[in-house]
Amino acid sequence: MRKALYVLFILTLLLSGYARADEGRVPVYQQTTITQPGYYLLTRDISATSGDVITVQSSNVVVDLNGHLISQGDPAKAGVYVTGAVNQVTVRNGRITGGTFGVRISATVSGSRFRVEKIKIDATADGILFGATGSGSTIYAEVLECDVTATSDGISGSSEGTSGTLSGNTVTMSGGIGISVWSARGMQVLGNRITGGLAGINLSTTVSPAGGNIIQGNTVYGASVEGLQINSTYQPTKGNLIKDNVFSFCGLYGMEIDSSDNTIVGNVASYNKIGIFVGANGQRNLIDANQLNSNTGSGSYGIYFGANGAHAYRNNIIRGNGTGTVGGVLTGNTNAGGNIT
């Protein structure tokens, strides 16, 4: 009898331990709006025909899809919509299909931090959209190991100071831009694979300063216009490191660099029309140790300078390009030696 009571006591302790391990995990089994902090766990596949499937209106929330599917039947809404004066929200581990957005984050408070990880998104217009509104607003976002198929933009972020890490994602596009970040400051874009669309990676800004970003280890294939664009149409995004990426079979440029003081090193840009196009707004860019081969078509070059910008190029392999090795405005741009042509 005493032994039986002892075994019952041990089992009670174990079960109470399991109960404590599940404390704070709120089950989600239908379309819902989250208004309190907590760890929310999907317990089944869920769907909606009207409105966002899961809406988050609270800070300090984890939405764990737990391997389940969110199906969005409303073509104008999102699978997961994070909105309002919220901070520290994570969406992870599952699949979202349909709707305009897979995950949409629209913060109304500056300095918010968000994470989206291990989410597969398909049949949406925009895969993952994050942003903060208001003058001087900033946002920090991490998008990690997601698989996105979209028709407009794959992963895009905007604020007046956007930072964070976009890493290990696979993006397949039928239009739009694979990864697009506005007003990026210290953003890391690392090890992503992007196929199709108009452009692979785009950094643009409407405010100054912006720049100091790292774009490294990405692969972009088959964009109809360009693999990478650093754009200065509105304000310059400058002082970036562009390293060890591969841009191939893009319709126009492997890389379009239209800003200043960038280091472009160790990249491969082949089978485009122009390997690296340096626009008229850029100055003092260093182009070092890149492989710029087999860019073909009328007016094709390994490197093309749009203006005298005091750029320097060295130690590049520039061979098999249709029209020539280096074209455009050569006066004032320095061949610093070591190039193999």
C-alpha atoms as a PDB file:
ATOM      1  CA  MET A   1       0.000   0.000   0.000  1.00  0.00           C
ATOM      2  CA  ARG A   2       2.767   2.413   0.970  1.00  0.00           C
ATOM      3  CA  LYS A   3       4.568   1.596  -2.291  1.00  0.00           C
ATOM      4  CA  ALA A   4       1.436   2.338  -4.309  1.00  0.00           C
ATOM      5  CA  LEU A   5       1.041   5.694  -2.574  1.00  0.00           C
ATOM      6  CA  TYR A   6       4.694   6.504  -3.301  1.00  0.00           C
ATOM      7  CA  VAL A   7       4.250   5.719  -7.027  1.00  0.00           C
ATOM      8  CA  LEU A   8       1.089   7.850  -7.100  1.00  0.00           C
ATOM      9  CA  PHE A   9       3.001  10.710  -5.470  1.00  0.00           C
ATOM     10  CA  ILE A  10       5.788  10.516  -8.095  1.00  0.00           C
ATOM     11  CA  LEU A  11       3.279  10.444 -10.959  1.00  0.00           C
ATOM     12  CA  THR A  12       1.536  13.500  -9.511  1.00  0.00           C
ATOM     13  CA  LEU A  13       4.835  15.386  -9.437  1.00  0.00           C
ATOM     14  CA  LEU A  14       5.591  14.452 -13.040  1.00  0.00           C
ATOM     15  CA  LEU A  15       2.162  15.466 -14.278  1.00  0.00           C
ATOM     16  CA  SER A  16       2.309  18.758 -12.423  1.00  0.00           C
ATOM     17  CA  GLY A  17       5.673  19.385 -14.102  1.00  0.00           C
ATOM     18  CA  TYR A  18       4.116  18.877 -17.527  1.00  0.00           C
ATOM     19  CA  ALA A  19       1.307  21.251 -16.567  1.00  0.00           C
ATOM     20  CA  ARG A  20       3.812  23.908 -15.597  1.00  0.00           C
ATOM     21  CA  ALA A  21       5.681  23.418 -18.896  1.00  0.00           C
ATOM     22  CA  ASP A  22       2.461  24.293 -20.740  1.00  0.00           C
ATOM     23  CA  GLU A  23       1.602  27.323 -18.651  1.00  0.00           C
ATOM     24  CA  GLY A  24       1.127  30.432 -20.782  1.00  0.00           C
ATOM     25  CA  ARG A  25       0.488  28.476 -23.993  1.00  0.00           C
ATOM     26  CA  VAL A  26      -2.870  29.574 -25.294  1.00  0.00           C
ATOM     27  CA  PRO A  27      -4.462  27.212 -27.843  1.00  0.00           C
ATOM     28  CA  VAL A  28      -5.666  28.730 -31.115  1.00  0.00           C
ATOM     29  CA  TYR A  29      -8.089  26.676 -33.189  1.00  0.00           C
ATOM     30  CA  GLN A  30     -10.044  29.305 -35.172  1.00  0.00           C
ATOM     31  CA  GLN A  31      -9.869  32.829 -36.611  1.00  0.00           C
ATOM     32  CA  THR A  32      -8.895  35.081 -33.715  1.00  0.00           C
ATOM     33  CA  THR A  33      -7.651  38.470 -32.475  1.00  0.00           C
ATOM     34  CA  ILE A  34      -4.879  38.457 -29.852  1.00  0.00           C
ATOM     35  CA  THR A  35      -5.037  41.341 -27.377  1.00  0.00           C
ATOM     36  CA  GLN A  36      -2.938  40.006 -24.485  1.00  0.00           C
ATOM     37  CA  PRO A  37       0.749  38.989 -24.189  1.00  0.00           C
ATOM     38  CA  GLY A  38       1.425  35.274 -24.323  1.00  0.00           C
ATOM     39  CA  TYR A  39       2.513  32.219 -26.264  1.00  0.00           C
ATOM     40  CA  TYR A  40      -0.224  31.269 -28.727  1.00  0.00           C
ATOM     41  CA  LEU A  41      -0.112  27.765 -30.197  1.00  0.00           C
ATOM     42  CA  LEU A  42      -2.146  26.569 -33.177  1.00  0.00           C
ATOM     43  CA  THR A  43      -3.731  23.205 -32.463  1.00  0.00           C
ATOM     44  CA  ARG A  44      -5.174  22.618 -35.944  1.00  0.00           C
ATOM     45  CA  ASP A  45      -5.228  24.037 -39.471  1.00  0.00           C
ATOM     46  CA  ILE A  46      -7.410  27.163 -39.609  1.00  0.00           C
ATOM     47  CA  SER A  47      -8.914  29.318 -42.345  1.00  0.00           C
ATOM     48  CA  ALA A  48     -11.046  32.390 -42.981  1.00  0.00           C
ATOM     49  CA  THR A  49     -13.110  33.720 -45.874  1.00  0.00           C
ATOM     50  CA  SER A  50     -13.367  37.303 -44.575  1.00  0.00           C
ATOM     51  CA  GLY A  51     -10.877  39.368 -42.586  1.00  0.00           C
ATOM     52  CA  ASP A  52      -7.385  38.543 -41.367  1.00  0.00           C
ATOM     53  CA  VAL A  53      -7.067  35.025 -40.004  1.00  0.00           C
ATOM     54  CA  ILE A  54      -4.952  35.936 -36.942  1.00  0.00           C
ATOM     55  CA  THR A  55      -4.696  39.552 -35.789  1.00  0.00           C
ATOM     56  CA  VAL A  56      -2.141  40.537 -33.143  1.00  0.00           C
ATOM     57  CA  GLN A  57      -2.800  43.752 -31.201  1.00  0.00           C
ATOM     58  CA  SER A  58      -0.506  43.168 -28.227  1.00  0.00           C
ATOM     59  CA  SER A  59       3.209  43.292 -27.480  1.00  0.00           C
ATOM     60  CA  ASN A  60       5.225  40.326 -26.192  1.00  0.00           C
ATOM     61  CA  VAL A  61       3.426  37.722 -28.265  1.00  0.00           C
ATOM     62  CA  VAL A  62       4.602  34.513 -29.910  1.00  0.00           C
ATOM     63  CA  VAL A  63       2.337  33.023 -32.569  1.00  0.00           C
ATOM     64  CA  ASP A  64       3.514  29.438 -33.072  1.00  0.00           C
ATOM     65  CA  LEU A  65       1.770  27.788 -35.992  1.00  0.00           C
ATOM     66  CA  ASN A  66       3.042  24.475 -34.654  1.00  0.00           C
ATOM     67  CA  GLY A  67       3.449  23.070 -38.173  1.00  0.00           C
ATOM     68  CA  HIS A  68      -0.141  23.860 -39.130  1.00  0.00           C
ATOM     69  CA  LEU A  69      -1.634  25.651 -42.143  1.00  0.00           C
ATOM     70  CA  ILE A  70      -3.379  29.018 -42.224  1.00  0.00           C
ATOM     71  CA  SER A  71      -5.577  29.363 -45.333  1.00  0.00           C
ATOM     72  CA  GLN A  72      -6.690  32.865 -46.265  1.00  0.00           C
ATOM     73  CA  GLY A  73      -9.744  33.023 -48.509  1.00  0.00           C
ATOM     74  CA  ASP A  74     -10.093  36.809 -48.440  1.00  0.00           C
ATOM     75  CA  PRO A  75      -7.979  38.154 -51.333  1.00  0.00           C
ATOM     76  CA  ALA A  76      -7.446  41.522 -49.612  1.00  0.00           C
ATOM     77  CA  LYS A  77      -6.323  40.297 -46.176  1.00  0.00           C
ATOM     78  CA  ALA A  78      -3.429  38.582 -44.393  1.00  0.00           C
ATOM     79  CA  GLY A  79      -2.772  35.230 -42.845  1.00  0.00           C
ATOM     80  CA  VAL A  80      -1.226  36.942 -39.795  1.00  0.00           C
ATOM     81  CA  TYR A  81      -1.653  40.708 -39.264  1.00  0.00           C
ATOM     82  CA  VAL A  82       0.327  42.466 -36.529  1.00  0.00           C
ATOM     83  CA  THR A  83      -0.890  46.016 -36.004  1.00  0.00           C
ATOM     84  CA  GLY A  84      -0.857  48.954 -33.612  1.00  0.00           C
ATOM     85  CA  ALA A  85       1.528  50.132 -30.889  1.00  0.00           C
ATOM     86  CA  VAL A  86       3.086  46.687 -30.516  1.00  0.00           C
ATOM     87  CA  ASN A  87       6.607  45.372 -29.912  1.00  0.00           C
ATOM     88  CA  GLN A  88       8.384  42.037 -29.500  1.00  0.00           C
ATOM     89  CA  VAL A  89       6.165  39.825 -31.670  1.00  0.00           C
ATOM     90  CA  THR A  90       7.297  36.524 -33.202  1.00  0.00           C
ATOM     91  CA  VAL A  91       5.502  34.458 -35.851  1.00  0.00           C
ATOM     92  CA  ARG A  92       7.001  31.031 -36.444  1.00  0.00           C
ATOM     93  CA  ASN A  93       6.849  27.460 -37.650  1.00  0.00           C
ATOM     94  CA  GLY A  94       4.085  26.789 -40.133  1.00  0.00           C
ATOM     95  CA  ARG A  95       2.516  27.507 -43.512  1.00  0.00           C
ATOM     96  CA  ILE A  96       0.327  30.316 -44.828  1.00  0.00           C
ATOM     97  CA  THR A  97      -1.452  30.317 -48.171  1.00  0.00           C
ATOM     98  CA  GLY A  98      -3.722  32.783 -50.000  1.00  0.00           C
ATOM     99  CA  GLY A  99      -4.614  36.411 -49.405  1.00  0.00           C
ATOM    100  CA  THR A 100      -2.700  39.583 -50.182  1.00  0.00           C
ATOM    101  CA  PHE A 101      -0.137  39.111 -47.386  1.00  0.00           C
ATOM    102  CA  GLY A 102       1.265  36.050 -45.710  1.00  0.00           C
ATOM    103  CA  VAL A 103       2.529  38.005 -42.685  1.00  0.00           C
ATOM    104  CA  ARG A 104       1.846  41.745 -42.452  1.00  0.00           C
ATOM    105  CA  ILE A 105       3.410  43.849 -39.676  1.00  0.00           C
ATOM    106  CA  SER A 106       2.306  47.475 -39.378  1.00  0.00           C
ATOM    107  CA  ALA A 107       3.649  49.102 -36.220  1.00  0.00           C
ATOM    108  CA  THR A 108       2.527  52.529 -35.093  1.00  0.00           C
ATOM    109  CA  VAL A 109       5.285  52.885 -32.489  1.00  0.00           C
ATOM    110  CA  SER A 110       8.926  53.546 -33.336  1.00  0.00           C
ATOM    111  CA  GLY A 111      11.647  51.103 -32.285  1.00  0.00           C
ATOM    112  CA  SER A 112       9.512  47.973 -32.451  1.00  0.00           C
ATOM    113  CA  ARG A 113      11.185  44.579 -32.873  1.00  0.00           C
ATOM    114  CA  PHE A 114       9.711  41.610 -34.736  1.00  0.00           C
ATOM    115  CA  ARG A 115      10.722  38.147 -35.873  1.00  0.00           C
ATOM    116  CA  VAL A 116       9.304  35.828 -38.552  1.00  0.00           C
ATOM    117  CA  GLU A 117      10.967  32.438 -38.767  1.00  0.00           C
ATOM    118  CA  LYS A 118      10.464  29.098 -40.490  1.00  0.00           C
ATOM    119  CA  ILE A 119       7.254  30.116 -42.238  1.00  0.00           C
ATOM    120  CA  LYS A 120       6.327  28.790 -45.676  1.00  0.00           C
ATOM    121  CA  ILE A 121       4.161  31.228 -47.628  1.00  0.00           C
ATOM    122  CA  ASP A 122       2.616  30.667 -51.032  1.00  0.00           C
ATOM    123  CA  ALA A 123      -0.184  31.881 -53.302  1.00  0.00           C
ATOM    124  CA  THR A 124       0.021  35.419 -51.902  1.00  0.00           C
ATOM    125  CA  ALA A 125       0.706  38.798 -53.531  1.00  0.00           C
ATOM    126  CA  ASP A 126       3.181  39.922 -50.840  1.00  0.00           C
ATOM    127  CA  GLY A 127       4.876  37.315 -48.716  1.00  0.00           C
ATOM    128  CA  ILE A 128       6.185  39.125 -45.623  1.00  0.00           C
ATOM    129  CA  LEU A 129       5.683  42.884 -45.209  1.00  0.00           C
ATOM    130  CA  PHE A 130       6.965  44.777 -42.169  1.00  0.00           C
ATOM    131  CA  GLY A 131       6.947  48.485 -41.490  1.00  0.00           C
ATOM    132  CA  ALA A 132       6.596  51.319 -39.011  1.00  0.00           C
ATOM    133  CA  THR A 133       4.631  54.468 -39.738  1.00  0.00           C
ATOM    134  CA  GLY A 134       5.180  58.034 -38.620  1.00  0.00           C
ATOM    135  CA  SER A 135       7.905  60.637 -38.996  1.00  0.00           C
ATOM    136  CA  GLY A 136      11.246  59.363 -37.716  1.00  0.00           C
ATOM    137  CA  SER A 137       9.909  55.859 -37.165  1.00  0.00           C
ATOM    138  CA  THR A 138      12.324  52.919 -36.932  1.00  0.00           C
ATOM    139  CA  ILE A 139      11.837  49.170 -36.941  1.00  0.00           C
ATOM    140  CA  TYR A 140      14.031  46.141 -36.272  1.00  0.00           C
ATOM    141  CA  ALA A 141      13.022  42.924 -38.021  1.00  0.00           C
ATOM    142  CA  GLU A 142      14.422  39.436 -38.353  1.00  0.00           C
ATOM    143  CA  VAL A 143      13.144  37.179 -41.147  1.00  0.00           C
ATOM    144  CA  LEU A 144      14.869  33.833 -40.889  1.00  0.00           C
ATOM    145  CA  GLU A 145      14.644  30.573 -42.864  1.00  0.00           C
ATOM    146  CA  CYS A 146      11.323  31.336 -44.525  1.00  0.00           C
ATOM    147  CA  ASP A 147      10.181  29.960 -47.893  1.00  0.00           C
ATOM    148  CA  VAL A 148       8.150  32.547 -49.816  1.00  0.00           C
ATOM    149  CA  THR A 149       6.379  32.308 -53.164  1.00  0.00           C
ATOM    150  CA  ALA A 150       4.717  35.584 -54.186  1.00  0.00           C
ATOM    151  CA  THR A 151       3.566  37.620 -57.161  1.00  0.00           C
ATOM    152  CA  SER A 152       4.400  41.149 -55.922  1.00  0.00           C
ATOM    153  CA  ASP A 153       7.162  41.430 -53.288  1.00  0.00           C
ATOM    154  CA  GLY A 154       8.625  38.513 -51.400  1.00  0.00           C
ATOM    155  CA  ILE A 155      10.066  40.130 -48.248  1.00  0.00           C
ATOM    156  CA  SER A 156       9.798  43.890 -47.866  1.00  0.00           C
ATOM    157  CA  GLY A 157      10.349  46.392 -45.088  1.00  0.00           C
ATOM    158  CA  SER A 158       9.970  50.119 -44.682  1.00  0.00           C
ATOM    159  CA  SER A 159      10.361  52.835 -42.069  1.00  0.00           C
ATOM    160  CA  GLU A 160      12.616  55.842 -41.693  1.00  0.00           C
ATOM    161  CA  GLY A 161      15.283  53.592 -40.234  1.00  0.00           C
ATOM    162  CA  THR A 162      14.998  49.870 -40.975  1.00  0.00           C
ATOM    163  CA  SER A 163      17.468  47.429 -39.439  1.00  0.00           C
ATOM    164  CA  GLY A 164      17.726  43.747 -38.592  1.00  0.00           C
ATOM    165  CA  THR A 165      18.631  40.503 -40.339  1.00  0.00           C
ATOM    166  CA  LEU A 166      17.119  38.774 -43.375  1.00  0.00           C
ATOM    167  CA  SER A 167      18.868  35.415 -43.541  1.00  0.00           C
ATOM    168  CA  GLY A 168      18.513  31.951 -45.025  1.00  0.00           C
ATOM    169  CA  ASN A 169      15.272  32.651 -46.868  1.00  0.00           C
ATOM    170  CA  THR A 170      14.158  31.172 -50.180  1.00  0.00           C
ATOM    171  CA  VAL A 171      12.087  33.538 -52.322  1.00  0.00           C
ATOM    172  CA  THR A 172      10.426  32.585 -55.613  1.00  0.00           C
ATOM    173  CA  MET A 173       8.855  35.443 -57.562  1.00  0.00           C
ATOM    174  CA  SER A 174       6.630  35.790 -60.617  1.00  0.00           C
ATOM    175  CA  GLY A 175       6.817  39.600 -60.403  1.00  0.00           C
ATOM    176  CA  GLY A 176       7.996  42.362 -58.110  1.00  0.00           C
ATOM    177  CA  ILE A 177      11.115  42.281 -55.940  1.00  0.00           C
ATOM    178  CA  GLY A 178      12.467  39.365 -53.950  1.00  0.00           C
ATOM    179  CA  ILE A 179      13.831  41.384 -50.997  1.00  0.00           C
ATOM    180  CA  SER A 180      13.144  45.120 -50.764  1.00  0.00           C
ATOM    181  CA  VAL A 181      14.151  47.351 -47.845  1.00  0.00           C
ATOM    182  CA  TRP A 182      13.541  51.082 -47.555  1.00  0.00           C
ATOM    183  CA  SER A 183      15.820  53.286 -45.453  1.00  0.00           C
ATOM    184  CA  ALA A 184      18.012  50.390 -44.374  1.00  0.00           C
ATOM    185  CA  ARG A 185      20.586  51.163 -41.681  1.00  0.00           C
ATOM    186  CA  GLY A 186      22.949  48.400 -40.670  1.00  0.00           C
ATOM    187  CA  MET A 187      20.664  45.770 -42.200  1.00  0.00           C
ATOM    188  CA  GLN A 188      22.161  42.328 -42.831  1.00  0.00           C
ATOM    189  CA  VAL A 189      20.906  40.474 -45.928  1.00  0.00           C
ATOM    190  CA  LEU A 190      22.660  37.116 -45.702  1.00  0.00           C
ATOM    191  CA  GLY A 191      22.508  33.801 -47.518  1.00  0.00           C
ATOM    192  CA  ASN A 192      19.138  34.194 -49.248  1.00  0.00           C
ATOM    193  CA  ARG A 193      18.154  32.430 -52.494  1.00  0.00           C
ATOM    194  CA  ILE A 194      15.966  34.448 -54.862  1.00  0.00           C
ATOM    195  CA  THR A 195      14.559  33.308 -58.208  1.00  0.00           C
ATOM    196  CA  GLY A 196      12.585  35.286 -60.797  1.00  0.00           C
ATOM    197  CA  GLY A 197      10.759  38.567 -60.393  1.00  0.00           C
ATOM    198  CA  LEU A 198      11.797  41.997 -61.617  1.00  0.00           C
ATOM    199  CA  ALA A 199      14.713  42.376 -59.213  1.00  0.00           C
ATOM    200  CA  GLY A 200      16.373  40.206 -56.622  1.00  0.00           C
ATOM    201  CA  ILE A 201      17.422  42.649 -53.876  1.00  0.00           C
ATOM    202  CA  ASN A 202      16.650  46.374 -53.685  1.00  0.00           C
ATOM    203  CA  LEU A 203      17.769  48.955 -51.127  1.00  0.00           C
ATOM    204  CA  SER A 204      16.213  52.412 -51.467  1.00  0.00           C
ATOM    205  CA  THR A 205      15.644  55.303 -49.105  1.00  0.00           C
ATOM    206  CA  THR A 206      13.673  58.504 -48.775  1.00  0.00           C
ATOM    207  CA  VAL A 207      15.657  59.732 -45.760  1.00  0.00           C
ATOM    208  CA  SER A 208      19.276  60.393 -44.907  1.00  0.00           C
ATOM    209  CA  PRO A 209      21.384  58.899 -43.501  1.00  0.00           C
ATOM    210  CA  ALA A 210      20.876  55.337 -44.694  1.00  0.00           C
ATOM    211  CA  GLY A 211      23.454  52.671 -45.447  1.00  0.00           C
ATOM    212  CA  GLY A 212      26.122  50.650 -43.720  1.00  0.00           C
ATOM    213  CA  ASN A 213      24.358  47.455 -44.766  1.00  0.00           C
ATOM    214  CA  ILE A 214      25.888  44.032 -45.394  1.00  0.00           C
ATOM    215  CA  ILE A 215      24.672  42.087 -48.428  1.00  0.00           C
ATOM    216  CA  GLN A 216      26.552  38.803 -48.367  1.00  0.00           C
ATOM    217  CA  GLY A 217      26.277  35.241 -49.600  1.00  0.00           C
ATOM    218  CA  ASN A 218      23.027  35.673 -51.533  1.00  0.00           C
ATOM    219  CA  THR A 219      22.143  33.943 -54.802  1.00  0.00           C
ATOM    220  CA  VAL A 220      19.879  35.686 -57.318  1.00  0.00           C
ATOM    221  CA  TYR A 221      18.878  33.910 -60.516  1.00  0.00           C
ATOM    222  CA  GLY A 222      16.718  34.964 -63.420  1.00  0.00           C
ATOM    223  CA  ALA A 223      15.416  38.391 -62.384  1.00  0.00           C
ATOM    224  CA  SER A 224      14.027  40.099 -65.471  1.00  0.00           C
ATOM    225  CA  VAL A 225      15.826  43.410 -64.757  1.00  0.00           C
ATOM    226  CA  GLU A 226      18.591  43.200 -62.131  1.00  0.00           C
ATOM    227  CA  GLY A 227      19.992  41.032 -59.400  1.00  0.00           C
ATOM    228  CA  LEU A 228      20.812  43.872 -56.987  1.00  0.00           C
ATOM    229  CA  GLN A 229      19.928  47.555 -56.963  1.00  0.00           C
ATOM    230  CA  ILE A 230      21.347  50.103 -54.527  1.00  0.00           C
ATOM    231  CA  ASN A 231      19.143  53.048 -55.439  1.00  0.00           C
ATOM    232  CA  SER A 232      19.705  56.790 -54.937  1.00  0.00           C
ATOM    233  CA  THR A 233      16.644  58.083 -56.722  1.00  0.00           C
ATOM    234  CA  TYR A 234      15.426  59.850 -53.556  1.00  0.00           C
ATOM    235  CA  GLN A 235      18.362  59.802 -51.104  1.00  0.00           C
ATOM    236  CA  PRO A 236      21.635  57.829 -51.144  1.00  0.00           C
ATOM    237  CA  THR A 237      22.012  54.459 -49.440  1.00  0.00           C
ATOM    238  CA  LYS A 238      25.782  54.453 -49.018  1.00  0.00           C
ATOM    239  CA  GLY A 239      28.746  52.752 -47.413  1.00  0.00           C
ATOM    240  CA  ASN A 240      27.488  49.198 -47.944  1.00  0.00           C
ATOM    241  CA  LEU A 241      29.456  45.948 -48.108  1.00  0.00           C
ATOM    242  CA  ILE A 242      28.403  43.741 -51.037  1.00  0.00           C
ATOM    243  CA  LYS A 243      30.330  40.499 -50.728  1.00  0.00           C
ATOM    244  CA  ASP A 244      30.365  36.914 -52.020  1.00  0.00           C
ATOM    245  CA  ASN A 245      27.012  37.040 -53.822  1.00  0.00           C
ATOM    246  CA  VAL A 246      26.053  35.375 -57.117  1.00  0.00           C
ATOM    247  CA  PHE A 247      23.898  37.257 -59.646  1.00  0.00           C
ATOM    248  CA  SER A 248      23.218  35.385 -62.873  1.00  0.00           C
ATOM    249  CA  PHE A 249      20.862  35.281 -65.857  1.00  0.00           C
ATOM    250  CA  CYS A 250      19.311  38.655 -65.031  1.00  0.00           C
ATOM    251  CA  GLY A 251      17.856  40.580 -67.951  1.00  0.00           C
ATOM    252  CA  LEU A 252      19.880  43.785 -67.544  1.00  0.00           C
ATOM    253  CA  TYR A 253      22.318  44.162 -64.621  1.00  0.00           C
ATOM    254  CA  GLY A 254      23.865  41.711 -62.244  1.00  0.00           C
ATOM    255  CA  MET A 255      24.357  44.681 -59.896  1.00  0.00           C
ATOM    256  CA  GLU A 256      23.246  48.285 -60.286  1.00  0.00           C
ATOM    257  CA  ILE A 257      25.156  50.479 -57.833  1.00  0.00           C
ATOM    258  CA  ASP A 258      23.877  54.050 -57.820  1.00  0.00           C
ATOM    259  CA  SER A 259      25.287  55.245 -54.501  1.00  0.00           C
ATOM    260  CA  SER A 260      28.659  56.068 -52.949  1.00  0.00           C
ATOM    261  CA  ASP A 261      31.440  54.529 -50.872  1.00  0.00           C
ATOM    262  CA  ASN A 262      30.409  50.920 -51.319  1.00  0.00           C
ATOM    263  CA  THR A 263      32.801  47.968 -51.245  1.00  0.00           C
ATOM    264  CA  ILE A 264      31.882  45.386 -53.884  1.00  0.00           C
ATOM    265  CA  VAL A 265      34.115  42.359 -53.359  1.00  0.00           C
ATOM    266  CA  GLY A 266      34.194  38.689 -54.251  1.00  0.00           C
ATOM    267  CA  ASN A 267      30.916  38.551 -56.161  1.00  0.00           C
ATOM    268  CA  VAL A 268      30.035  36.568 -59.300  1.00  0.00           C
ATOM    269  CA  ALA A 269      27.967  38.371 -61.942  1.00  0.00           C
ATOM    270  CA  SER A 270      27.678  36.287 -65.090  1.00  0.00           C
ATOM    271  CA  TYR A 271      25.204  35.731 -67.926  1.00  0.00           C
ATOM    272  CA  ASN A 272      23.527  39.098 -67.434  1.00  0.00           C
ATOM    273  CA  LYS A 273      23.792  41.998 -69.890  1.00  0.00           C
ATOM    274  CA  ILE A 274      26.158  44.032 -67.683  1.00  0.00           C
ATOM    275  CA  GLY A 275      27.893  42.520 -64.697  1.00  0.00           C
ATOM    276  CA  ILE A 276      28.214  45.706 -62.595  1.00  0.00           C
ATOM    277  CA  PHE A 277      26.601  48.972 -63.639  1.00  0.00           C
ATOM    278  CA  VAL A 278      27.771  51.982 -61.588  1.00  0.00           C
ATOM    279  CA  GLY A 279      25.293  54.823 -61.943  1.00  0.00           C
ATOM    280  CA  ALA A 280      25.899  58.542 -62.259  1.00  0.00           C
ATOM    281  CA  ASN A 281      24.887  59.241 -58.636  1.00  0.00           C
ATOM    282  CA  GLY A 282      27.636  57.071 -57.165  1.00  0.00           C
ATOM    283  CA  GLN A 283      31.142  58.074 -56.102  1.00  0.00           C
ATOM    284  CA  ARG A 284      34.232  56.373 -54.692  1.00  0.00           C
ATOM    285  CA  ASN A 285      33.060  52.784 -55.024  1.00  0.00           C
ATOM    286  CA  LEU A 286      35.660  50.013 -54.790  1.00  0.00           C
ATOM    287  CA  ILE A 287      35.144  47.037 -57.135  1.00  0.00           C
ATOM    288  CA  ASP A 288      37.534  44.303 -56.037  1.00  0.00           C
ATOM    289  CA  ALA A 289      38.124  40.611 -56.827  1.00  0.00           C
ATOM    290  CA  ASN A 290      34.816  39.941 -58.603  1.00  0.00           C
ATOM    291  CA  GLN A 291      34.199  37.439 -61.409  1.00  0.00           C
ATOM    292  CA  LEU A 292      32.385  39.256 -64.213  1.00  0.00           C
ATOM    293  CA  ASN A 293      32.294  36.809 -67.080  1.00  0.00           C
ATOM    294  CA  SER A 294      30.042  35.916 -70.011  1.00  0.00           C
ATOM    295  CA  ASN A 295      27.688  38.879 -69.803  1.00  0.00           C
ATOM    296  CA  THR A 296      26.197  38.968 -73.288  1.00  0.00           C
ATOM    297  CA  GLY A 297      23.996  40.959 -75.640  1.00  0.00           C
ATOM    298  CA  SER A 298      24.233  44.321 -77.337  1.00  0.00           C
ATOM    299  CA  GLY A 299      26.120  46.787 -75.127  1.00  0.00           C
ATOM    300  CA  SER A 300      27.257  44.145 -72.654  1.00  0.00           C
ATOM    301  CA  TYR A 301      30.250  44.705 -70.367  1.00  0.00           C
ATOM    302  CA  GLY A 302      31.763  43.297 -67.243  1.00  0.00           C
ATOM    303  CA  ILE A 303      31.775  46.783 -65.654  1.00  0.00           C
ATOM    304  CA  TYR A 304      30.071  49.919 -66.931  1.00  0.00           C
ATOM    305  CA  PHE A 305      30.561  53.394 -65.410  1.00  0.00           C
ATOM    306  CA  GLY A 306      27.797  55.948 -65.899  1.00  0.00           C
ATOM    307  CA  ALA A 307      29.974  58.910 -64.902  1.00  0.00           C
ATOM    308  CA  ASN A 308      33.325  60.047 -63.566  1.00  0.00           C
ATOM    309  CA  GLY A 309      32.835  59.131 -59.925  1.00  0.00           C
ATOM    310  CA  ALA A 310      36.398  58.496 -58.701  1.00  0.00           C
ATOM    311  CA  HIS A 311      35.710  54.766 -58.573  1.00  0.00           C
ATOM    312  CA  ALA A 312      38.451  52.137 -58.461  1.00  0.00           C
ATOM    313  CA  TYR A 313      38.475  48.589 -59.801  1.00  0.00           C
ATOM    314  CA  ARG A 314      41.137  45.969 -59.204  1.00  0.00           C
ATOM    315  CA  ASN A 315      41.832  42.221 -59.162  1.00  0.00           C
ATOM    316  CA  ASN A 316      38.660  41.359 -61.088  1.00  0.00           C
ATOM    317  CA  ILE A 317      38.324  38.584 -63.671  1.00  0.00           C
ATOM    318  CA  ILE A 318      36.493  40.149 -66.626  1.00  0.00           C
ATOM    319  CA  ARG A 319      36.305  37.784 -69.572  1.00  0.00           C
ATOM    320  CA  GLY A 320      33.949  36.703 -72.326  1.00  0.00           C
ATOM    321  CA  ASN A 321      31.667  39.735 -72.182  1.00  0.00           C
ATOM    322  CA  GLY A 322      29.952  40.534 -75.466  1.00  0.00           C
ATOM    323  CA  THR A 323      30.919  44.154 -76.148  1.00  0.00           C
ATOM    324  CA  GLY A 324      33.900  44.727 -73.875  1.00  0.00           C
ATOM    325  CA  THR A 325      35.457  44.414 -70.444  1.00  0.00           C
ATOM    326  CA  VAL A 326      34.966  47.925 -68.991  1.00  0.00           C
ATOM    327  CA  GLY A 327      32.771  50.541 -70.655  1.00  0.00           C
ATOM    328  CA  GLY A 328      31.139  53.902 -70.182  1.00  0.00           C
ATOM    329  CA  VAL A 329      33.007  56.864 -68.677  1.00  0.00           C
ATOM    330  CA  LEU A 330      36.564  55.710 -68.000  1.00  0.00           C
ATOM    331  CA  THR A 331      38.184  59.087 -67.358  1.00  0.00           C
ATOM    332  CA  GLY A 332      38.391  59.724 -63.625  1.00  0.00           C
ATOM    333  CA  ASN A 333      37.718  56.103 -62.666  1.00  0.00           C
ATOM    334  CA  THR A 334      40.861  54.199 -61.749  1.00  0.00           C
ATOM    335  CA  ASN A 335      42.075  50.855 -62.998  1.00  0.00           C
ATOM    336  CA  ALA A 336      44.034  49.991 -59.841  1.00  0.00           C
ATOM    337  CA  GLY A 337      45.629  46.915 -61.396  1.00  0.00           C
ATOM    338  CA  GLY A 338      45.458  43.189 -61.147  1.00  0.00           C
ATOM    339  CA  ASN A 339      42.427  42.809 -63.407  1.00  0.00           C
ATOM    340  CA  ILE A 340      42.425  39.746 -65.664  1.00  0.00           C
ATOM    341  CA  THR A 341      40.803  40.309 -69.026  1.00  0.00           C
END
